[in-house]
ModelCIF file with pLDDT and N, C-alpha, C, O atoms, coordinates in Angstrom:
data_MODEL
#
_entry.id   MODEL 
#
_entity.id                         1 
_entity.type                       polymer 
_entity.pdbx_number_of_molecules   1 
#
_entity_poly.entity_id                      1 
_entity_poly.type                           'polypeptide(L)' 
_entity_poly.nstd_linkage                   no 
_entity_poly.nstd_monomer                   no 
_entity_poly.pdbx_seq_one_letter_code       DNRYEWMATDQALIALGAIGIPRGCDTPTQELEY 
_entity_poly.pdbx_seq_one_letter_code_can   DNRYEWMATDQALIALGAIGIPRGCDTPTQELEY 
_entity_poly.pdbx_strand_id                 A 
#
loop_
_entity_poly_seq.entity_id 
_entity_poly_seq.num 
_entity_poly_seq.mon_id 
_entity_poly_seq.hetero 
1 1  ASP n 
1 2  ASN n 
1 3  ARG n 
1 4  TYR n 
1 5  GLU n 
1 6  TRP n 
1 7  MET n 
1 8  ALA n 
1 9  THR n 
1 10 ASP n 
1 11 GLN n 
1 12 ALA n 
1 13 LEU n 
1 14 ILE n 
1 15 ALA n 
1 16 LEU n 
1 17 GLY n 
1 18 ALA n 
1 19 ILE n 
1 20 GLY n 
1 21 ILE n 
1 22 PRO n 
1 23 ARG n 
1 24 GLY n 
1 25 CYS n 
1 26 ASP n 
1 27 THR n 
1 28 PRO n 
1 29 THR n 
1 30 GLN n 
1 31 GLU n 
1 32 LEU n 
1 33 GLU n 
1 34 TYR n 
#
_struct_asym.id          A 
_struct_asym.entity_id   1 
#
loop_
_ma_qa_metric.id 
_ma_qa_metric.mode 
_ma_qa_metric.name 
_ma_qa_metric.software_group_id 
_ma_qa_metric.type 
1 global pLDDT . pLDDT 
2 local  pLDDT . pLDDT 
#
_ma_qa_metric_global.metric_id      1 
_ma_qa_metric_global.metric_value   94.79 
_ma_qa_metric_global.model_id       1 
_ma_qa_metric_global.ordinal_id     1 
#
loop_
_ma_qa_metric_local.label_asym_id 
_ma_qa_metric_local.label_comp_id 
_ma_qa_metric_local.label_seq_id 
_ma_qa_metric_local.metric_id 
_ma_qa_metric_local.metric_value 
_ma_qa_metric_local.model_id 
_ma_qa_metric_local.ordinal_id 
A ASP 1  2 93.00 1 1  
A ASN 2  2 91.00 1 2  
A ARG 3  2 94.00 1 3  
A TYR 4  2 96.00 1 4  
A GLU 5  2 97.00 1 5  
A TRP 6  2 97.00 1 6  
A MET 7  2 97.00 1 7  
A ALA 8  2 98.00 1 8  
A THR 9  2 98.00 1 9  
A ASP 10 2 98.00 1 10 
A GLN 11 2 98.00 1 11 
A ALA 12 2 98.00 1 12 
A LEU 13 2 98.00 1 13 
A ILE 14 2 98.00 1 14 
A ALA 15 2 98.00 1 15 
A LEU 16 2 98.00 1 16 
A GLY 17 2 98.00 1 17 
A ALA 18 2 98.00 1 18 
A ILE 19 2 98.00 1 19 
A GLY 20 2 98.00 1 20 
A ILE 21 2 98.00 1 21 
A PRO 22 2 97.00 1 22 
A ARG 23 2 93.00 1 23 
A GLY 24 2 91.00 1 24 
A CYS 25 2 92.00 1 25 
A ASP 26 2 86.00 1 26 
A THR 27 2 88.00 1 27 
A PRO 28 2 85.00 1 28 
A THR 29 2 92.00 1 29 
A GLN 30 2 90.00 1 30 
A GLU 31 2 89.00 1 31 
A LEU 32 2 94.00 1 32 
A GLU 33 2 95.00 1 33 
A TYR 34 2 94.00 1 34 
#
loop_
_atom_site.group_PDB 
_atom_site.id 
_atom_site.type_symbol 
_atom_site.label_atom_id 
_atom_site.label_alt_id 
_atom_site.label_comp_id 
_atom_site.label_asym_id 
_atom_site.label_entity_id 
_atom_site.label_seq_id 
_atom_site.pdbx_PDB_ins_code 
_atom_site.Cartn_x 
_atom_site.Cartn_y 
_atom_site.Cartn_z 
_atom_site.occupancy 
_atom_site.B_iso_or_equiv 
_atom_site.pdbx_formal_charge 
_atom_site.auth_seq_id 
_atom_site.auth_comp_id 
_atom_site.auth_asym_id 
_atom_site.auth_atom_id 
_atom_site.pdbx_PDB_model_num 
ATOM 1   N N  . ASP A 1 1  ? 5.664   3.669   -3.606 1.00 93.00 ? 1  ASP A N  1 
ATOM 2   C CA . ASP A 1 1  ? 6.726   4.093   -2.834 1.00 93.00 ? 1  ASP A CA 1 
ATOM 3   C C  . ASP A 1 1  ? 6.207   5.797   -2.400 1.00 93.00 ? 1  ASP A C  1 
ATOM 4   O O  . ASP A 1 1  ? 5.150   6.364   -2.676 1.00 93.00 ? 1  ASP A O  1 
ATOM 5   N N  . ASN A 1 2  ? 7.571   6.367   -1.522 1.00 91.00 ? 2  ASN A N  1 
ATOM 6   C CA . ASN A 1 2  ? 6.875   7.355   -1.084 1.00 91.00 ? 2  ASN A CA 1 
ATOM 7   C C  . ASN A 1 2  ? 6.156   8.773   -1.873 1.00 91.00 ? 2  ASN A C  1 
ATOM 8   O O  . ASN A 1 2  ? 6.748   9.383   -2.763 1.00 91.00 ? 2  ASN A O  1 
ATOM 9   N N  . ARG A 1 3  ? 5.097   9.066   -1.479 1.00 94.00 ? 3  ARG A N  1 
ATOM 10  C CA . ARG A 1 3  ? 4.508   10.507  -2.457 1.00 94.00 ? 3  ARG A CA 1 
ATOM 11  C C  . ARG A 1 3  ? 3.663   10.582  -1.410 1.00 94.00 ? 3  ARG A C  1 
ATOM 12  O O  . ARG A 1 3  ? 3.811   9.954   -0.362 1.00 94.00 ? 3  ARG A O  1 
ATOM 13  N N  . TYR A 1 4  ? 2.611   11.474  -1.701 1.00 96.00 ? 4  TYR A N  1 
ATOM 14  C CA . TYR A 1 4  ? 1.849   11.983  -1.038 1.00 96.00 ? 4  TYR A CA 1 
ATOM 15  C C  . TYR A 1 4  ? 0.275   11.372  -1.109 1.00 96.00 ? 4  TYR A C  1 
ATOM 16  O O  . TYR A 1 4  ? -0.646  11.588  -0.321 1.00 96.00 ? 4  TYR A O  1 
ATOM 17  N N  . GLU A 1 5  ? 0.286   10.513  -2.354 1.00 97.00 ? 5  GLU A N  1 
ATOM 18  C CA . GLU A 1 5  ? -0.731  10.050  -2.400 1.00 97.00 ? 5  GLU A CA 1 
ATOM 19  C C  . GLU A 1 5  ? -0.782  8.674   -1.609 1.00 97.00 ? 5  GLU A C  1 
ATOM 20  O O  . GLU A 1 5  ? -1.815  8.135   -1.212 1.00 97.00 ? 5  GLU A O  1 
ATOM 21  N N  . TRP A 1 6  ? 0.462   8.217   -1.454 1.00 97.00 ? 6  TRP A N  1 
ATOM 22  C CA . TRP A 1 6  ? 0.565   7.057   -0.542 1.00 97.00 ? 6  TRP A CA 1 
ATOM 23  C C  . TRP A 1 6  ? -0.571  7.453   1.020  1.00 97.00 ? 6  TRP A C  1 
ATOM 24  O O  . TRP A 1 6  ? -1.610  6.943   1.439  1.00 97.00 ? 6  TRP A O  1 
ATOM 25  N N  . MET A 1 7  ? 0.287   8.577   1.487  1.00 97.00 ? 7  MET A N  1 
ATOM 26  C CA . MET A 1 7  ? -0.521  8.927   3.021  1.00 97.00 ? 7  MET A CA 1 
ATOM 27  C C  . MET A 1 7  ? -2.209  8.935   2.593  1.00 97.00 ? 7  MET A C  1 
ATOM 28  O O  . MET A 1 7  ? -2.975  8.243   3.263  1.00 97.00 ? 7  MET A O  1 
ATOM 29  N N  . ALA A 1 8  ? -2.766  9.814   1.365  1.00 98.00 ? 8  ALA A N  1 
ATOM 30  C CA . ALA A 1 8  ? -4.165  10.083  1.098  1.00 98.00 ? 8  ALA A CA 1 
ATOM 31  C C  . ALA A 1 8  ? -4.666  8.613   1.222  1.00 98.00 ? 8  ALA A C  1 
ATOM 32  O O  . ALA A 1 8  ? -5.291  8.300   2.235  1.00 98.00 ? 8  ALA A O  1 
ATOM 33  N N  . THR A 1 9  ? -4.404  7.613   0.158  1.00 98.00 ? 9  THR A N  1 
ATOM 34  C CA . THR A 1 9  ? -4.433  6.344   0.103  1.00 98.00 ? 9  THR A CA 1 
ATOM 35  C C  . THR A 1 9  ? -4.684  5.811   1.386  1.00 98.00 ? 9  THR A C  1 
ATOM 36  O O  . THR A 1 9  ? -5.859  5.589   1.674  1.00 98.00 ? 9  THR A O  1 
ATOM 37  N N  . ASP A 1 10 ? -3.575  5.501   2.417  1.00 98.00 ? 10 ASP A N  1 
ATOM 38  C CA . ASP A 1 10 ? -3.689  4.788   3.485  1.00 98.00 ? 10 ASP A CA 1 
ATOM 39  C C  . ASP A 1 10 ? -5.038  5.272   4.463  1.00 98.00 ? 10 ASP A C  1 
ATOM 40  O O  . ASP A 1 10 ? -5.780  4.500   5.070  1.00 98.00 ? 10 ASP A O  1 
ATOM 41  N N  . GLN A 1 11 ? -5.140  6.976   4.428  1.00 98.00 ? 11 GLN A N  1 
ATOM 42  C CA . GLN A 1 11 ? -6.256  7.102   5.127  1.00 98.00 ? 11 GLN A CA 1 
ATOM 43  C C  . GLN A 1 11 ? -7.192  7.134   4.372  1.00 98.00 ? 11 GLN A C  1 
ATOM 44  O O  . GLN A 1 11 ? -8.188  7.526   4.980  1.00 98.00 ? 11 GLN A O  1 
ATOM 45  N N  . ALA A 1 12 ? -7.348  6.966   3.563  1.00 98.00 ? 12 ALA A N  1 
ATOM 46  C CA . ALA A 1 12 ? -8.901  6.254   2.815  1.00 98.00 ? 12 ALA A CA 1 
ATOM 47  C C  . ALA A 1 12 ? -9.041  4.770   3.075  1.00 98.00 ? 12 ALA A C  1 
ATOM 48  O O  . ALA A 1 12 ? -10.022 4.347   2.464  1.00 98.00 ? 12 ALA A O  1 
ATOM 49  N N  . LEU A 1 13 ? -8.682  4.226   3.469  1.00 98.00 ? 13 LEU A N  1 
ATOM 50  C CA . LEU A 1 13 ? -8.465  2.677   3.750  1.00 98.00 ? 13 LEU A CA 1 
ATOM 51  C C  . LEU A 1 13 ? -8.816  2.565   5.307  1.00 98.00 ? 13 LEU A C  1 
ATOM 52  O O  . LEU A 1 13 ? -9.365  1.674   5.956  1.00 98.00 ? 13 LEU A O  1 
ATOM 53  N N  . ILE A 1 14 ? -8.353  3.657   5.612  1.00 98.00 ? 14 ILE A N  1 
ATOM 54  C CA . ILE A 1 14 ? -8.260  3.537   7.208  1.00 98.00 ? 14 ILE A CA 1 
ATOM 55  C C  . ILE A 1 14 ? -9.827  3.888   7.439  1.00 98.00 ? 14 ILE A C  1 
ATOM 56  O O  . ILE A 1 14 ? -10.576 3.184   8.117  1.00 98.00 ? 14 ILE A O  1 
ATOM 57  N N  . ALA A 1 15 ? -10.197 5.032   6.801  1.00 98.00 ? 15 ALA A N  1 
ATOM 58  C CA . ALA A 1 15 ? -11.652 5.489   6.790  1.00 98.00 ? 15 ALA A CA 1 
ATOM 59  C C  . ALA A 1 15 ? -12.713 4.417   6.684  1.00 98.00 ? 15 ALA A C  1 
ATOM 60  O O  . ALA A 1 15 ? -13.566 4.212   7.548  1.00 98.00 ? 15 ALA A O  1 
ATOM 61  N N  . LEU A 1 16 ? -12.597 3.797   5.629  1.00 98.00 ? 16 LEU A N  1 
ATOM 62  C CA . LEU A 1 16 ? -13.365 2.637   4.994  1.00 98.00 ? 16 LEU A CA 1 
ATOM 63  C C  . LEU A 1 16 ? -13.196 1.572   6.109  1.00 98.00 ? 16 LEU A C  1 
ATOM 64  O O  . LEU A 1 16 ? -14.354 1.181   6.258  1.00 98.00 ? 16 LEU A O  1 
ATOM 65  N N  . GLY A 1 17 ? -12.377 0.838   7.029  1.00 98.00 ? 17 GLY A N  1 
ATOM 66  C CA . GLY A 1 17 ? -12.107 0.128   7.742  1.00 98.00 ? 17 GLY A CA 1 
ATOM 67  C C  . GLY A 1 17 ? -11.415 -1.462  7.211  1.00 98.00 ? 17 GLY A C  1 
ATOM 68  O O  . GLY A 1 17 ? -11.297 -2.606  7.649  1.00 98.00 ? 17 GLY A O  1 
ATOM 69  N N  . ALA A 1 18 ? -10.975 -0.441  5.643  1.00 98.00 ? 18 ALA A N  1 
ATOM 70  C CA . ALA A 1 18 ? -10.092 -1.798  5.398  1.00 98.00 ? 18 ALA A CA 1 
ATOM 71  C C  . ALA A 1 18 ? -8.883  -2.013  5.932  1.00 98.00 ? 18 ALA A C  1 
ATOM 72  O O  . ALA A 1 18 ? -8.443  -1.179  6.723  1.00 98.00 ? 18 ALA A O  1 
ATOM 73  N N  . ILE A 1 19 ? -8.082  -3.228  5.582  1.00 98.00 ? 19 ILE A N  1 
ATOM 74  C CA . ILE A 1 19 ? -6.933  -3.560  5.780  1.00 98.00 ? 19 ILE A CA 1 
ATOM 75  C C  . ILE A 1 19 ? -6.008  -3.167  4.751  1.00 98.00 ? 19 ILE A C  1 
ATOM 76  O O  . ILE A 1 19 ? -6.236  -3.780  3.708  1.00 98.00 ? 19 ILE A O  1 
ATOM 77  N N  . GLY A 1 20 ? -4.913  -2.251  4.664  1.00 98.00 ? 20 GLY A N  1 
ATOM 78  C CA . GLY A 1 20 ? -4.075  -1.928  3.998  1.00 98.00 ? 20 GLY A CA 1 
ATOM 79  C C  . GLY A 1 20 ? -2.528  -2.949  4.042  1.00 98.00 ? 20 GLY A C  1 
ATOM 80  O O  . GLY A 1 20 ? -1.767  -2.928  5.009  1.00 98.00 ? 20 GLY A O  1 
ATOM 81  N N  . ILE A 1 21 ? -2.331  -3.670  2.980  1.00 98.00 ? 21 ILE A N  1 
ATOM 82  C CA . ILE A 1 21 ? -1.212  -4.366  2.744  1.00 98.00 ? 21 ILE A CA 1 
ATOM 83  C C  . ILE A 1 21 ? 0.254   -3.823  1.958  1.00 98.00 ? 21 ILE A C  1 
ATOM 84  O O  . ILE A 1 21 ? 0.802   -4.349  0.989  1.00 98.00 ? 21 ILE A O  1 
ATOM 85  N N  . PRO A 1 22 ? 0.597   -2.835  2.570  1.00 97.00 ? 22 PRO A N  1 
ATOM 86  C CA . PRO A 1 22 ? 1.663   -1.932  1.847  1.00 97.00 ? 22 PRO A CA 1 
ATOM 87  C C  . PRO A 1 22 ? 3.024   -3.130  1.325  1.00 97.00 ? 22 PRO A C  1 
ATOM 88  O O  . PRO A 1 22 ? 3.224   -4.340  1.430  1.00 97.00 ? 22 PRO A O  1 
ATOM 89  N N  . ARG A 1 23 ? 3.522   -2.293  0.909  1.00 93.00 ? 23 ARG A N  1 
ATOM 90  C CA . ARG A 1 23 ? 5.015   -2.817  0.119  1.00 93.00 ? 23 ARG A CA 1 
ATOM 91  C C  . ARG A 1 23 ? 5.282   -1.837  -1.109 1.00 93.00 ? 23 ARG A C  1 
ATOM 92  O O  . ARG A 1 23 ? 4.426   -1.268  -1.786 1.00 93.00 ? 23 ARG A O  1 
ATOM 93  N N  . GLY A 1 24 ? 6.747   -1.769  -1.249 1.00 91.00 ? 24 GLY A N  1 
ATOM 94  C CA . GLY A 1 24 ? 7.633   -0.787  -1.706 1.00 91.00 ? 24 GLY A CA 1 
ATOM 95  C C  . GLY A 1 24 ? 7.366   -1.355  -3.267 1.00 91.00 ? 24 GLY A C  1 
ATOM 96  O O  . GLY A 1 24 ? 7.137   -2.538  -3.517 1.00 91.00 ? 24 GLY A O  1 
ATOM 97  N N  . CYS A 1 25 ? 7.456   -0.062  -4.468 1.00 92.00 ? 25 CYS A N  1 
ATOM 98  C CA . CYS A 1 25 ? 7.490   -0.834  -5.981 1.00 92.00 ? 25 CYS A CA 1 
ATOM 99  C C  . CYS A 1 25 ? 8.502   -1.496  -5.998 1.00 92.00 ? 25 CYS A C  1 
ATOM 100 O O  . CYS A 1 25 ? 8.352   -1.970  -7.124 1.00 92.00 ? 25 CYS A O  1 
ATOM 101 N N  . ASP A 1 26 ? 9.905   -2.134  -5.467 1.00 86.00 ? 26 ASP A N  1 
ATOM 102 C CA . ASP A 1 26 ? 10.751  -2.474  -5.936 1.00 86.00 ? 26 ASP A CA 1 
ATOM 103 C C  . ASP A 1 26 ? 10.185  -4.013  -5.642 1.00 86.00 ? 26 ASP A C  1 
ATOM 104 O O  . ASP A 1 26 ? 10.807  -4.890  -6.241 1.00 86.00 ? 26 ASP A O  1 
ATOM 105 N N  . THR A 1 27 ? 9.299   -4.367  -4.960 1.00 88.00 ? 27 THR A N  1 
ATOM 106 C CA . THR A 1 27 ? 9.041   -5.514  -4.503 1.00 88.00 ? 27 THR A CA 1 
ATOM 107 C C  . THR A 1 27 ? 9.053   -6.707  -5.714 1.00 88.00 ? 27 THR A C  1 
ATOM 108 O O  . THR A 1 27 ? 8.310   -6.469  -6.666 1.00 88.00 ? 27 THR A O  1 
ATOM 109 N N  . PRO A 1 28 ? 9.904   -8.085  -5.764 1.00 85.00 ? 28 PRO A N  1 
ATOM 110 C CA . PRO A 1 28 ? 9.888   -8.561  -6.518 1.00 85.00 ? 28 PRO A CA 1 
ATOM 111 C C  . PRO A 1 28 ? 8.734   -9.557  -7.088 1.00 85.00 ? 28 PRO A C  1 
ATOM 112 O O  . PRO A 1 28 ? 8.272   -10.266 -6.195 1.00 85.00 ? 28 PRO A O  1 
ATOM 113 N N  . THR A 1 29 ? 8.224   -9.749  -8.242 1.00 92.00 ? 29 THR A N  1 
ATOM 114 C CA . THR A 1 29 ? 7.033   -10.688 -8.500 1.00 92.00 ? 29 THR A CA 1 
ATOM 115 C C  . THR A 1 29 ? 6.891   -11.575 -7.904 1.00 92.00 ? 29 THR A C  1 
ATOM 116 O O  . THR A 1 29 ? 5.764   -11.847 -7.490 1.00 92.00 ? 29 THR A O  1 
ATOM 117 N N  . GLN A 1 30 ? 8.021   -12.406 -7.614 1.00 90.00 ? 30 GLN A N  1 
ATOM 118 C CA . GLN A 1 30 ? 7.795   -13.660 -6.761 1.00 90.00 ? 30 GLN A CA 1 
ATOM 119 C C  . GLN A 1 30 ? 7.036   -13.263 -5.581 1.00 90.00 ? 30 GLN A C  1 
ATOM 120 O O  . GLN A 1 30 ? 6.060   -13.937 -5.254 1.00 90.00 ? 30 GLN A O  1 
ATOM 121 N N  . GLU A 1 31 ? 7.404   -12.184 -4.874 1.00 89.00 ? 31 GLU A N  1 
ATOM 122 C CA . GLU A 1 31 ? 7.597   -11.991 -3.329 1.00 89.00 ? 31 GLU A CA 1 
ATOM 123 C C  . GLU A 1 31 ? 6.379   -11.605 -3.324 1.00 89.00 ? 31 GLU A C  1 
ATOM 124 O O  . GLU A 1 31 ? 5.649   -12.026 -2.427 1.00 89.00 ? 31 GLU A O  1 
ATOM 125 N N  . LEU A 1 32 ? 5.875   -10.735 -4.293 1.00 94.00 ? 32 LEU A N  1 
ATOM 126 C CA . LEU A 1 32 ? 4.289   -9.880  -4.505 1.00 94.00 ? 32 LEU A CA 1 
ATOM 127 C C  . LEU A 1 32 ? 3.295   -11.040 -4.525 1.00 94.00 ? 32 LEU A C  1 
ATOM 128 O O  . LEU A 1 32 ? 2.272   -10.927 -3.849 1.00 94.00 ? 32 LEU A O  1 
ATOM 129 N N  . GLU A 1 33 ? 3.490   -12.055 -5.185 1.00 95.00 ? 33 GLU A N  1 
ATOM 130 C CA . GLU A 1 33 ? 2.794   -13.367 -5.778 1.00 95.00 ? 33 GLU A CA 1 
ATOM 131 C C  . GLU A 1 33 ? 2.510   -13.989 -4.377 1.00 95.00 ? 33 GLU A C  1 
ATOM 132 O O  . GLU A 1 33 ? 1.372   -14.433 -4.226 1.00 95.00 ? 33 GLU A O  1 
ATOM 133 N N  . TYR A 1 34 ? 3.231   -14.069 -3.507 1.00 94.00 ? 34 TYR A N  1 
ATOM 134 C CA . TYR A 1 34 ? 3.345   -14.856 -2.147 1.00 94.00 ? 34 TYR A CA 1 
ATOM 135 C C  . TYR A 1 34 ? 2.728   -14.265 -1.434 1.00 94.00 ? 34 TYR A C  1 
ATOM 136 O O  . TYR A 1 34 ? 2.617   -14.631 -0.264 1.00 94.00 ? 34 TYR A O  1 
#
């Protein structure tokens, strides 16, 4: 969820050329699994 580490992590993934697949902490287990 919203926090400073979100943006730091996002920018680190972008710097590496990795593909971020973001979602909120309230994501149900079934949806996360999908």
